[in-house]
Protein backbone atom coordinates (compact mmCIF):
# COMPACT_ATOMS: atom_id res chain seq x y z
CA MET A 1 -10.45 -27.75 -42.73
CA LYS A 2 -13.32 -29.12 -40.70
CA ASN A 3 -15.40 -26.61 -38.52
CA VAL A 4 -17.07 -27.76 -35.74
CA PHE A 5 -19.25 -25.80 -33.28
CA LEU A 6 -19.81 -27.46 -29.72
CA THR A 7 -21.62 -26.66 -27.12
CA GLY A 8 -21.18 -27.77 -23.51
CA ALA A 9 -18.07 -28.27 -24.00
CA THR A 10 -17.75 -27.86 -19.88
CA GLY A 11 -20.14 -30.71 -19.47
CA THR A 12 -19.78 -34.54 -19.05
CA ILE A 13 -20.35 -35.51 -22.72
CA GLY A 14 -18.96 -32.03 -24.51
CA SER A 15 -15.68 -32.28 -22.39
CA ALA A 16 -14.97 -35.88 -23.27
CA LEU A 17 -15.73 -34.92 -27.16
CA VAL A 18 -13.11 -32.20 -27.30
CA PRO A 19 -9.95 -34.44 -27.44
CA ARG A 20 -11.34 -36.82 -29.76
CA LEU A 21 -12.64 -33.93 -32.65
CA LEU A 22 -9.02 -32.54 -31.83
CA ALA A 23 -7.12 -35.66 -32.61
CA GLU A 24 -7.93 -35.04 -36.27
CA GLY A 25 -5.51 -32.37 -37.24
CA ASP A 26 -7.85 -31.04 -39.61
CA THR A 27 -9.94 -29.95 -36.80
CA ALA A 28 -10.41 -27.03 -35.83
CA LEU A 29 -13.30 -26.22 -32.94
CA THR A 30 -15.68 -23.41 -31.40
CA LEU A 31 -16.82 -23.86 -27.83
CA LEU A 32 -19.83 -21.78 -26.86
CA ILE A 33 -18.80 -21.04 -23.39
CA ARG A 34 -20.70 -19.06 -20.89
CA ALA A 35 -19.06 -16.83 -18.98
CA ARG A 36 -19.41 -13.80 -17.32
CA ASP A 37 -16.96 -11.20 -19.13
CA ASP A 38 -13.68 -11.98 -21.22
CA ALA A 39 -11.30 -13.13 -17.97
CA ASP A 40 -13.68 -15.60 -16.55
CA LEU A 41 -13.98 -17.15 -20.36
CA GLN A 42 -9.76 -17.32 -20.19
CA ALA A 43 -9.86 -18.53 -16.76
CA ARG A 44 -12.77 -20.91 -17.74
CA MET A 45 -10.50 -21.99 -20.85
CA ALA A 46 -7.23 -22.35 -18.70
CA GLN A 47 -9.38 -24.82 -16.65
CA MET A 48 -10.58 -26.63 -19.39
CA LEU A 49 -7.30 -26.89 -21.34
CA ALA A 50 -5.70 -28.34 -18.09
CA TYR A 51 -8.66 -30.84 -17.81
CA TRP A 52 -7.72 -32.06 -21.53
CA HIS A 53 -3.94 -31.86 -20.26
CA TYR A 54 -2.91 -29.69 -23.02
CA PRO A 55 0.00 -27.48 -22.02
CA PRO A 56 0.89 -24.30 -23.47
CA GLY A 57 1.61 -24.44 -27.21
CA ASP A 58 0.02 -27.52 -27.74
CA ASP A 59 -1.18 -27.59 -31.39
CA ARG A 60 -4.40 -28.73 -30.42
CA ALA A 61 -4.96 -26.19 -27.82
CA SER A 62 -3.82 -23.52 -31.04
CA ARG A 63 -7.18 -25.05 -32.54
CA ILE A 64 -9.94 -24.15 -29.88
CA ARG A 65 -11.26 -20.40 -30.04
CA PRO A 66 -13.17 -20.23 -27.19
CA LEU A 67 -16.76 -17.83 -27.76
CA ARG A 68 -18.68 -15.99 -24.76
CA GLY A 69 -22.20 -16.88 -25.12
CA ASP A 70 -25.25 -18.58 -23.36
CA ILE A 71 -27.51 -21.02 -24.95
CA SER A 72 -30.89 -19.48 -23.27
CA LEU A 73 -29.88 -16.32 -25.21
CA PRO A 74 -31.50 -15.38 -28.43
CA GLN A 75 -28.10 -16.25 -31.35
CA PHE A 76 -26.67 -17.73 -28.56
CA GLY A 77 -26.05 -13.88 -27.10
CA VAL A 78 -23.14 -13.44 -29.76
CA GLY A 79 -24.89 -11.33 -31.57
CA ASP A 80 -25.79 -10.66 -35.45
CA ALA A 81 -22.14 -10.22 -36.94
CA GLY A 82 -20.90 -13.23 -34.12
CA PHE A 83 -23.87 -15.21 -35.27
CA ALA A 84 -23.11 -14.67 -39.40
CA GLN A 85 -19.49 -15.64 -38.56
CA LEU A 86 -20.64 -18.77 -36.92
CA ALA A 87 -22.59 -19.47 -40.47
CA ASP A 88 -19.59 -18.62 -42.93
CA GLU A 89 -17.42 -20.90 -41.09
CA THR A 90 -18.98 -24.33 -39.58
CA THR A 91 -19.31 -27.35 -40.94
CA HIS A 92 -20.49 -29.88 -38.29
CA ILE A 93 -22.73 -28.30 -34.82
CA ILE A 94 -22.75 -30.76 -32.17
CA HIS A 95 -25.07 -29.58 -29.40
CA CYS A 96 -24.35 -31.02 -26.38
CA ALA A 97 -25.15 -28.21 -23.61
CA ALA A 98 -27.39 -28.70 -21.68
CA SER A 99 -28.85 -28.08 -17.15
CA VAL A 100 -29.48 -31.15 -15.88
CA LYS A 101 -31.15 -30.05 -12.77
CA LEU A 102 -34.05 -31.66 -12.15
CA ASN A 103 -36.18 -29.36 -10.13
CA MET A 104 -35.83 -26.16 -12.27
CA GLU A 105 -39.65 -24.32 -13.26
CA LEU A 106 -40.77 -24.52 -16.42
CA GLU A 107 -39.66 -21.64 -18.41
CA GLN A 108 -36.50 -22.17 -17.04
CA ALA A 109 -35.98 -26.18 -18.32
CA ARG A 110 -37.64 -24.74 -21.57
CA ALA A 111 -35.11 -21.87 -21.82
CA THR A 112 -32.20 -24.62 -21.50
CA ALA A 113 -33.55 -27.05 -24.16
CA VAL A 114 -36.15 -25.77 -26.42
CA THR A 115 -34.65 -22.30 -27.01
CA PRO A 116 -30.83 -23.41 -27.85
CA THR A 117 -32.80 -26.46 -29.92
CA ARG A 118 -34.21 -23.66 -32.10
CA THR A 119 -31.22 -21.47 -32.24
CA VAL A 120 -29.25 -24.80 -33.52
CA LEU A 121 -31.58 -25.05 -36.31
CA ASP A 122 -31.21 -21.35 -37.41
CA LEU A 123 -27.92 -21.59 -37.05
CA GLY A 124 -27.64 -24.84 -39.24
CA ARG A 125 -30.24 -23.59 -42.05
CA ARG A 126 -27.83 -20.30 -41.97
CA CYS A 127 -24.76 -23.07 -42.86
CA ALA A 128 -26.84 -24.97 -45.40
CA GLN A 129 -27.54 -21.25 -47.33
CA ALA A 130 -24.00 -20.75 -47.25
CA ARG A 131 -23.01 -24.16 -48.76
CA THR A 132 -20.32 -25.22 -45.69
CA LEU A 133 -22.79 -27.37 -44.02
CA ARG A 134 -22.04 -30.85 -43.46
CA LYS A 135 -23.85 -32.36 -40.27
CA ILE A 136 -25.89 -31.62 -37.16
CA ASP A 137 -25.31 -33.93 -33.56
CA LEU A 138 -28.35 -32.91 -31.13
CA VAL A 139 -28.03 -34.67 -28.00
CA SER A 140 -31.58 -35.39 -25.79
CA THR A 141 -31.96 -37.79 -23.57
CA VAL A 142 -33.91 -41.68 -22.76
CA GLY A 143 -35.50 -39.15 -20.51
CA VAL A 144 -37.62 -37.83 -23.11
CA TRP A 145 -40.29 -41.10 -22.63
CA GLY A 146 -40.92 -39.40 -19.30
CA ARG A 147 -43.36 -42.09 -17.16
CA THR A 148 -44.38 -44.32 -20.28
CA PRO A 149 -44.50 -47.46 -18.84
CA GLY A 150 -42.61 -50.64 -21.09
CA LEU A 151 -39.68 -50.67 -23.49
CA MET A 152 -39.23 -46.99 -25.41
CA PRO A 153 -38.70 -48.23 -28.71
CA GLU A 154 -35.84 -45.91 -30.91
CA ARG A 155 -38.15 -43.57 -32.86
CA ARG A 156 -39.75 -40.22 -32.65
CA LEU A 157 -42.20 -38.77 -29.96
CA PRO A 158 -45.45 -39.58 -29.68
CA GLU A 159 -47.49 -37.04 -27.45
CA VAL A 160 -45.87 -37.83 -23.85
CA ARG A 161 -48.00 -35.87 -21.11
CA ASP A 162 -46.70 -37.19 -17.80
CA PHE A 163 -42.83 -36.94 -16.59
CA HIS A 164 -40.50 -36.90 -14.02
CA ASN A 165 -39.55 -33.66 -13.67
CA THR A 166 -39.49 -30.57 -15.83
CA TYR A 167 -35.76 -31.51 -17.29
CA GLU A 168 -37.33 -34.11 -18.82
CA ALA A 169 -40.73 -32.26 -20.12
CA ALA A 170 -38.45 -29.83 -21.83
CA LYS A 171 -36.15 -32.38 -23.70
CA ALA A 172 -39.34 -34.14 -24.93
CA GLU A 173 -40.70 -30.63 -26.42
CA ALA A 174 -37.17 -29.79 -27.73
CA GLU A 175 -37.10 -33.37 -29.44
CA ARG A 176 -40.35 -32.33 -31.22
CA VAL A 177 -39.19 -29.00 -32.46
CA ILE A 178 -36.07 -31.18 -34.34
CA TRP A 179 -38.77 -32.95 -36.13
CA ASN A 180 -41.15 -30.28 -36.94
CA GLU A 181 -39.22 -27.89 -37.48
CA GLY A 182 -35.31 -29.03 -38.68
CA ALA A 183 -36.55 -31.92 -41.15
CA ASP A 184 -34.74 -30.16 -44.06
CA LEU A 185 -31.61 -30.58 -42.56
CA PRO A 186 -28.67 -33.31 -41.64
CA VAL A 187 -29.50 -33.76 -37.97
CA THR A 188 -28.81 -36.99 -36.03
CA VAL A 189 -30.94 -37.22 -32.16
CA HIS A 190 -28.69 -38.85 -29.95
CA ARG A 191 -30.66 -40.29 -26.20
CA PRO A 192 -28.29 -41.07 -23.80
CA SER A 193 -29.58 -42.85 -20.54
CA MET A 194 -27.14 -42.22 -17.34
CA VAL A 195 -24.33 -41.11 -17.95
CA VAL A 196 -21.10 -42.19 -15.91
CA GLY A 197 -16.91 -42.12 -16.10
CA GLU A 198 -14.68 -43.55 -18.35
CA THR A 199 -14.35 -47.30 -18.90
CA GLY A 200 -11.01 -47.85 -17.32
CA SER A 201 -10.22 -44.82 -15.33
CA GLY A 202 -13.94 -43.76 -13.92
CA ARG A 203 -12.76 -39.99 -15.04
CA VAL A 204 -15.77 -37.59 -15.78
CA MET A 205 -15.80 -33.84 -15.67
CA HIS A 206 -19.04 -33.86 -13.24
CA PHE A 207 -20.43 -35.79 -10.57
CA GLN A 208 -24.47 -36.14 -11.53
CA VAL A 209 -27.77 -38.29 -10.87
CA PHE A 210 -26.06 -41.36 -10.81
CA TYR A 211 -23.39 -40.40 -7.77
CA HIS A 212 -26.47 -39.22 -5.70
CA LEU A 213 -28.10 -42.63 -6.76
CA CYS A 214 -24.69 -44.36 -5.48
CA GLU A 215 -24.91 -43.00 -2.29
CA PHE A 216 -28.77 -43.16 -1.35
CA LEU A 217 -28.36 -46.58 -2.26
CA SER A 218 -25.35 -47.23 0.50
CA GLY A 219 -27.76 -46.57 3.25
CA ALA A 220 -25.47 -43.78 4.58
CA ARG A 221 -28.16 -40.73 4.72
CA THR A 222 -31.04 -42.62 5.70
CA TYR A 223 -29.41 -44.46 8.38
CA GLY A 224 -30.29 -47.50 6.37
CA VAL A 225 -33.55 -47.62 6.20
CA MET A 226 -34.54 -48.46 2.27
CA PRO A 227 -37.00 -49.13 -0.19
CA GLU A 228 -37.72 -52.53 -1.49
CA LEU A 229 -35.84 -52.51 -4.76
CA GLY A 230 -37.88 -54.83 -6.65
CA TYR A 231 -36.54 -56.31 -9.99
CA THR A 232 -35.41 -52.16 -11.09
CA ARG A 233 -32.96 -51.56 -13.39
CA LEU A 234 -30.77 -49.14 -13.85
CA ASP A 235 -29.46 -48.60 -17.37
CA THR A 236 -26.02 -46.56 -17.67
CA VAL A 237 -23.36 -46.03 -20.01
CA PRO A 238 -19.45 -44.60 -19.40
CA VAL A 239 -19.15 -41.08 -21.52
CA ASP A 240 -16.27 -42.40 -23.25
CA TRP A 241 -18.27 -44.71 -25.38
CA VAL A 242 -21.19 -41.82 -25.60
CA ALA A 243 -18.14 -39.60 -27.11
CA ASP A 244 -16.80 -42.36 -29.29
CA VAL A 245 -20.68 -42.47 -30.62
CA ILE A 246 -21.64 -38.89 -30.96
CA HIS A 247 -18.28 -38.16 -32.64
CA TRP A 248 -18.46 -41.20 -35.38
CA SER A 249 -21.87 -40.08 -36.11
CA SER A 250 -20.42 -36.61 -36.64
CA GLY A 251 -18.15 -37.99 -39.48
CA HIS A 252 -21.16 -40.20 -41.41
CA GLU A 253 -23.86 -38.21 -43.13
CA ASP A 254 -25.85 -40.95 -43.17
CA THR A 255 -26.56 -40.90 -39.90
CA ALA A 256 -28.47 -37.86 -40.77
CA GLY A 257 -32.48 -38.63 -39.62
CA GLN A 258 -31.64 -40.91 -37.53
CA ILE A 259 -32.84 -41.94 -33.36
CA PHE A 260 -29.81 -43.64 -31.41
CA HIS A 261 -30.29 -44.47 -28.33
CA LEU A 262 -26.91 -44.97 -26.05
CA CYS A 263 -28.05 -47.50 -23.26
CA SER A 264 -27.07 -50.61 -22.11
CA GLY A 265 -30.74 -51.95 -23.36
CA PRO A 266 -32.91 -53.52 -21.07
CA ASP A 267 -30.85 -56.99 -20.81
CA GLU A 268 -28.07 -54.94 -20.08
CA ALA A 269 -29.01 -52.57 -17.50
CA ILE A 270 -27.74 -53.53 -13.68
CA SER A 271 -30.03 -54.30 -11.46
CA LEU A 272 -30.93 -51.95 -8.29
CA LYS A 273 -29.93 -54.99 -6.03
CA SER A 274 -26.53 -55.45 -7.53
CA LEU A 275 -25.95 -52.11 -7.92
CA GLN A 276 -26.25 -51.79 -4.15
CA GLN A 277 -24.47 -54.39 -3.68
CA ARG A 278 -21.01 -53.38 -5.55
CA VAL A 279 -21.69 -49.57 -3.87
CA ARG A 280 -21.23 -51.17 -0.37
CA ARG A 281 -18.46 -53.43 -1.07
CA ALA A 282 -16.99 -50.22 -2.50
CA TRP A 283 -18.01 -47.36 -0.09
CA GLN A 284 -16.78 -50.22 2.91
CA SER A 285 -13.40 -50.87 1.18
CA HIS A 286 -12.78 -47.26 0.76
CA GLY A 287 -12.90 -47.33 4.72
CA ARG A 288 -16.67 -45.81 4.69
CA LYS A 289 -18.98 -46.82 7.91
CA LEU A 290 -22.00 -47.92 6.35
CA PRO A 291 -25.53 -49.20 8.24
CA ALA A 292 -27.13 -52.52 8.06
CA LEU A 293 -30.35 -51.32 5.75
CA ARG A 294 -33.60 -51.69 6.81
CA GLN A 295 -36.27 -52.14 4.45
CA VAL A 296 -39.51 -50.06 4.22
CA ASN A 297 -42.31 -49.25 1.86
CA ARG A 298 -41.65 -46.89 -0.41
CA SER A 299 -43.80 -44.35 0.74
CA LEU A 300 -43.44 -44.55 3.94
CA LEU A 301 -39.36 -43.82 3.29
CA GLU A 302 -40.78 -40.27 1.30
CA ARG A 303 -42.63 -39.27 4.55
CA LEU A 304 -39.67 -39.71 6.48
CA VAL A 305 -36.71 -37.94 4.88
CA PRO A 306 -38.44 -34.74 6.25
CA VAL A 307 -37.44 -36.48 9.76
CA ILE A 308 -34.41 -38.35 8.95
CA GLY A 309 -33.21 -34.72 7.46
CA ALA A 310 -34.01 -33.02 11.24
CA LEU A 311 -31.99 -35.32 13.02
CA ALA A 312 -29.13 -35.59 10.90
CA GLY A 313 -26.55 -32.75 10.29
CA GLU A 314 -27.43 -29.48 7.12
CA LYS A 315 -24.87 -31.60 5.12
CA ALA A 316 -27.04 -34.68 5.30
CA ARG A 317 -30.30 -32.17 4.71
CA ARG A 318 -28.61 -30.61 1.64
CA ALA A 319 -27.90 -34.37 0.17
CA LEU A 320 -31.17 -35.50 0.85
CA ARG A 321 -32.96 -32.98 -0.91
CA ALA A 322 -32.16 -35.09 -4.01
CA LEU A 323 -33.72 -37.78 -2.65
CA PRO A 324 -37.66 -37.73 -4.26
CA PRO A 325 -36.61 -37.54 -7.73
CA ILE A 326 -34.91 -40.46 -7.29
CA LEU A 327 -37.32 -41.93 -5.56
CA ALA A 328 -39.62 -41.27 -8.31
CA TYR A 329 -37.50 -43.21 -11.03
CA LEU A 330 -37.22 -46.11 -9.19
CA ALA A 331 -41.08 -46.43 -9.10
CA GLU A 332 -40.76 -46.96 -12.57
CA ASP A 333 -41.08 -50.27 -14.37
CA GLN A 334 -39.44 -48.81 -17.81
CA GLY A 335 -36.78 -50.49 -20.06
CA PHE A 336 -34.78 -49.04 -23.13
CA SER A 337 -35.07 -50.63 -26.62
CA ASN A 338 -31.74 -50.35 -28.60
CA PRO A 339 -31.67 -52.87 -31.50
CA ARG A 340 -30.85 -50.93 -34.14
CA THR A 341 -28.58 -48.73 -32.57
CA THR A 342 -26.50 -51.81 -31.43
CA GLN A 343 -26.55 -53.43 -34.83
CA ALA A 344 -24.96 -49.73 -36.35
CA LEU A 345 -22.49 -49.24 -33.52
CA ALA A 346 -21.16 -53.09 -33.79
CA ALA A 347 -20.77 -52.74 -37.20
CA ALA A 348 -18.88 -49.18 -36.31
CA GLY A 349 -16.48 -50.92 -34.22
CA LEU A 350 -18.63 -49.20 -31.17
CA PRO A 351 -20.30 -51.93 -29.48
CA VAL A 352 -22.15 -51.63 -26.30
CA PRO A 353 -19.73 -51.72 -23.21
CA PRO A 354 -20.78 -54.10 -20.87
CA VAL A 355 -21.74 -53.01 -16.94
CA ASP A 356 -18.96 -54.68 -15.50
CA SER A 357 -15.98 -53.12 -18.35
CA TYR A 358 -16.60 -49.88 -16.43
CA LEU A 359 -18.48 -49.87 -13.06
CA ASP A 360 -15.40 -50.88 -10.44
CA ALA A 361 -13.37 -48.16 -11.93
CA VAL A 362 -16.24 -45.30 -12.14
CA LEU A 363 -17.01 -45.99 -7.84
CA GLY A 364 -13.68 -45.99 -7.85
CA PHE A 365 -12.68 -42.51 -9.39
CA TYR A 366 -15.73 -41.37 -7.31
CA LEU A 367 -14.51 -42.32 -3.95
CA ASP A 368 -10.77 -41.04 -5.02
CA SER A 369 -12.10 -37.71 -5.60
CA SER A 370 -12.97 -34.49 -3.44
CA ALA A 371 -16.46 -34.97 -3.46
CA GLY A 372 -16.64 -38.85 -2.69
CA GLN A 373 -14.47 -37.94 -0.02
CA LEU A 374 -16.74 -34.61 1.10
CA ALA A 375 -19.97 -37.04 1.00
CA ALA A 376 -18.37 -39.41 3.48
């Protein structure tokens, strides 16, 4: 029996991984889920089973063991006995859990990135001692390169000191922990770019930074005031492909020690100007009324945000709070190299999907959702 310990099952990537893992009839999953108590744990599991379309009595659901815990706590908060049981049973570890809040205090960001990485490595060593361990897959981010300009390579980090936010800084530190303290373990590191909904349906568990960016590009939140977008490109990937790659990697021990840049790459990433045109067409086709766009200097727009917020309602003010980090990203001339990843995944039958194969579905799913309707 293959026993996978998965963190982040209620998140964007983890929720897409679960059905792929359970499609293997000999796989059992232990899912670490944060919950207030056992009743809350069961309620969250019921919500996730519905998301995965697993009815009562489904064989796949019967192979899930929910485990109440917290990635920021020692031993994930499961105690000595629970941690020992995990070490005795686990053959594969997939660590997806993270907080993607961009404005956390640094110590809070470290608690949700660095601390759980060390705990995963500790669990891996104990599994290795118990002779159960076969593979560890850890989800990082291309953001570990911070504000480094140019084309980011598929290699271990040098000393990066300048980051957009504490999330990136903590994830970069977590990666250094992997290579400095986990060299004896069969670890693969995955660096996704901006993860969006599934190819075909556009479905996704959570609407994160990409969707805030699209609302901004529509012009609706800034009364049409927009910075010059220049030649900046945005690297995105659909969550189903990211989950397919991690699932494949978890089953191939020969990927240990590798870093995969799960991204479109510099040539295939969509330009912000093109994305803006696609967003505005989609918004208008869903009945959204959009203002005409008026370009201003980016620094001027940053100064205008408080003024726009004062003129807008409370809903718009809350939305505008996400704007400064987005403007910081738009200012960068940065791309993510992926030739080695592309070659390896093409050989595995997992070619990088072109943006046109999923973007319309992603935007449509968001606009049809309650979140998209509330943002109108």
